[in-house]
Protein backbone atom coordinates (compact mmCIF):
# COMPACT_ATOMS: atom_id res chain seq x y z
CA UNK A 1 2.95 -30.45 15.84
CA UNK A 2 2.82 -34.05 14.56
CA UNK A 3 3.40 -34.05 10.82
CA UNK A 4 4.59 -30.46 11.06
CA UNK A 5 8.00 -28.98 10.46
CA UNK A 6 9.53 -25.71 11.56
CA UNK A 7 12.23 -23.53 10.09
CA UNK A 8 13.59 -20.29 11.46
CA UNK A 9 15.08 -17.33 9.65
CA UNK A 10 16.74 -14.59 11.68
CA UNK A 11 16.67 -11.06 10.30
CA UNK A 12 18.74 -8.11 11.46
CA UNK A 13 16.17 -5.41 10.70
CA UNK A 14 12.39 -5.02 10.78
CA UNK A 15 12.45 -4.03 7.10
CA UNK A 16 14.09 -7.33 6.13
CA UNK A 17 11.69 -9.34 8.28
CA UNK A 18 8.69 -7.50 6.85
CA UNK A 19 9.93 -8.19 3.30
CA UNK A 20 10.20 -11.92 4.10
CA UNK A 21 6.72 -11.99 5.61
CA UNK A 22 5.29 -10.19 2.58
CA UNK A 23 6.89 -12.74 0.26
CA UNK A 24 5.54 -15.62 2.37
CA UNK A 25 2.04 -14.14 2.24
CA UNK A 26 2.21 -13.65 -1.55
CA UNK A 27 3.52 -17.17 -2.15
CA UNK A 28 1.36 -20.22 -2.61
CA UNK A 29 2.96 -21.92 0.40
CA UNK A 30 0.34 -23.23 2.82
CA UNK A 31 2.30 -22.41 5.98
CA UNK A 32 1.79 -20.53 9.19
CA UNK A 33 4.32 -18.26 10.76
CA UNK A 34 5.18 -16.47 13.96
CA UNK A 35 7.56 -13.64 14.72
CA UNK A 36 9.59 -12.94 17.84
CA UNK A 37 11.62 -9.77 18.39
CA UNK A 38 12.97 -7.74 21.25
CA UNK A 39 10.59 -5.02 22.30
CA UNK A 40 12.90 -2.04 21.89
CA UNK A 41 9.98 0.30 22.53
CA UNK A 42 9.75 -1.00 26.10
CA UNK A 43 13.00 0.80 26.87
CA UNK A 44 12.96 3.49 24.13
CA UNK A 45 9.38 4.57 23.35
CA UNK A 46 9.00 5.87 19.78
CA UNK A 47 8.41 9.54 19.05
CA UNK A 48 5.03 8.73 17.53
CA UNK A 49 4.01 7.10 14.26
CA UNK A 50 2.97 3.53 13.56
CA UNK A 51 5.21 0.55 14.08
CA UNK A 52 5.68 -0.72 10.52
CA UNK A 53 6.49 -4.30 11.50
CA UNK A 54 4.24 -4.97 14.48
CA UNK A 55 1.00 -3.14 13.66
CA UNK A 56 0.26 -5.31 10.59
CA UNK A 57 1.26 -8.44 12.48
CA UNK A 58 -1.07 -7.72 15.39
CA UNK A 59 -3.91 -7.40 12.90
CA UNK A 60 -3.11 -10.41 10.71
CA UNK A 61 -1.73 -13.23 12.86
CA UNK A 62 -3.66 -15.33 15.36
CA UNK A 63 -2.42 -14.39 18.79
CA UNK A 64 0.16 -12.01 20.14
CA UNK A 65 1.85 -11.38 23.45
CA UNK A 66 4.51 -9.37 25.20
CA UNK A 67 6.81 -11.12 27.66
CA UNK A 68 9.95 -10.38 29.60
CA UNK A 69 12.25 -13.35 29.11
CA UNK A 70 15.17 -13.68 31.54
CA UNK A 71 18.47 -13.08 29.77
CA UNK A 72 16.76 -11.59 26.71
CA UNK A 73 14.48 -8.88 28.07
CA UNK A 74 11.13 -7.67 26.81
CA UNK A 75 9.96 -9.38 23.62
CA UNK A 76 6.94 -9.26 21.35
CA UNK A 77 5.61 -12.46 19.85
CA UNK A 78 2.95 -12.66 17.17
CA UNK A 79 1.34 -15.76 15.75
CA UNK A 80 0.69 -19.12 17.37
CA UNK A 81 4.08 -19.05 19.09
CA UNK A 82 2.51 -16.65 21.58
CA UNK A 83 0.11 -19.33 22.84
CA UNK A 84 2.89 -21.94 22.84
CA UNK A 85 4.95 -19.62 25.05
CA UNK A 86 2.06 -19.38 27.53
CA UNK A 87 1.80 -23.19 27.58
CA UNK A 88 5.55 -23.49 28.21
CA UNK A 89 5.37 -20.98 31.05
CA UNK A 90 2.44 -22.88 32.58
CA UNK A 91 4.47 -26.11 32.45
CA UNK A 92 7.96 -24.77 33.16
CA UNK A 93 8.80 -27.61 35.56
CA UNK A 94 8.89 -30.00 32.58
CA UNK A 95 11.71 -28.07 30.90
CA UNK A 96 14.53 -28.03 33.43
CA UNK A 97 17.68 -26.60 31.96
CA UNK A 98 15.87 -24.60 29.26
CA UNK A 99 14.74 -21.01 29.46
CA UNK A 100 11.27 -20.03 28.28
CA UNK A 101 12.34 -19.34 24.69
CA UNK A 102 14.43 -22.51 24.50
CA UNK A 103 11.57 -24.60 25.88
CA UNK A 104 9.14 -23.07 23.38
CA UNK A 105 11.49 -23.75 20.46
CA UNK A 106 12.04 -27.30 21.71
CA UNK A 107 8.27 -27.89 21.77
CA UNK A 108 8.07 -26.59 18.21
CA UNK A 109 10.54 -29.23 17.07
CA UNK A 110 13.73 -27.18 16.84
CA UNK A 111 16.81 -29.33 17.40
CA UNK A 112 18.40 -28.94 20.81
CA UNK A 113 21.73 -28.09 19.19
CA UNK A 114 20.21 -25.00 17.52
CA UNK A 115 18.27 -23.58 20.47
CA UNK A 116 21.23 -21.67 21.91
CA UNK A 117 21.84 -20.06 18.53
CA UNK A 118 18.30 -18.69 18.38
CA UNK A 119 18.32 -17.54 21.98
CA UNK A 120 21.57 -15.66 21.25
CA UNK A 121 20.06 -14.16 18.10
CA UNK A 122 17.02 -12.92 20.06
CA UNK A 123 19.27 -11.56 22.82
CA UNK A 124 21.29 -9.65 20.18
CA UNK A 125 18.16 -8.07 18.72
CA UNK A 126 17.57 -10.43 15.80
CA UNK A 127 14.03 -10.91 14.55
CA UNK A 128 13.05 -14.59 14.44
CA UNK A 129 10.60 -15.57 11.72
CA UNK A 130 9.31 -19.09 12.37
CA UNK A 131 7.59 -20.93 9.54
CA UNK A 132 5.70 -24.14 10.25
CA UNK A 133 3.33 -26.48 8.49
CA UNK A 134 3.35 -29.66 6.41
CA UNK A 135 6.89 -30.64 5.44
CA UNK A 136 6.43 -30.17 1.68
CA UNK A 137 4.98 -26.67 2.17
CA UNK A 138 7.69 -25.68 4.65
CA UNK A 139 10.28 -26.91 2.16
CA UNK A 140 8.80 -24.53 -0.46
CA UNK A 141 8.86 -21.66 2.04
CA UNK A 142 12.47 -22.49 2.86
CA UNK A 143 13.43 -22.06 -0.79
CA UNK A 144 11.61 -18.74 -0.94
CA UNK A 145 13.31 -17.39 2.18
CA UNK A 146 16.76 -18.56 1.06
CA UNK A 147 16.46 -16.45 -2.12
CA UNK A 148 16.72 -13.30 0.03
CA UNK A 149 20.39 -13.80 0.92
CA UNK A 150 21.08 -10.07 1.33
CA UNK A 151 18.59 -9.72 4.17
CA UNK A 152 19.01 -13.10 5.80
CA UNK A 153 21.07 -12.95 8.97
CA UNK A 154 20.79 -16.63 9.92
CA UNK A 155 18.82 -19.65 8.82
CA UNK A 156 18.02 -23.10 10.14
CA UNK A 157 17.51 -26.16 8.00
CA UNK A 158 16.38 -28.17 11.01
CA UNK A 159 13.38 -30.43 10.55
CA UNK A 160 12.97 -29.83 6.81
């Protein structure tokens, strides 16, 4: 992650998160992104029909995974964050005092002071959209995401 920066936006609904991802894809920002959300289907299977948020993500982002994170429950992760989570789990002894999500966010450059906020957001059912890349591109993406104030539930300015 050297030379990289990460920002996180937390959305309350899949529709809002999908809108943000669509805007990021349409923009000229050269960034990558990952998404983490509670897997509500693990406890309440849908009555059929496609999953409007996850199906396109599975097809378009590199990597995906489903985990059960202590204190949060079942989650789905799409994008490179899924492989970072595997790395964190393989090296959990190095991250004493941090849970799996906190350790993953720490490795991605999120400030220690903000980790608890994002763990709480995930626990409460928030959808975390992580944007990472060169600092100037992440700064552009930050401006784009901040324009959507109605949908934005929380936002980090860390590392930008």
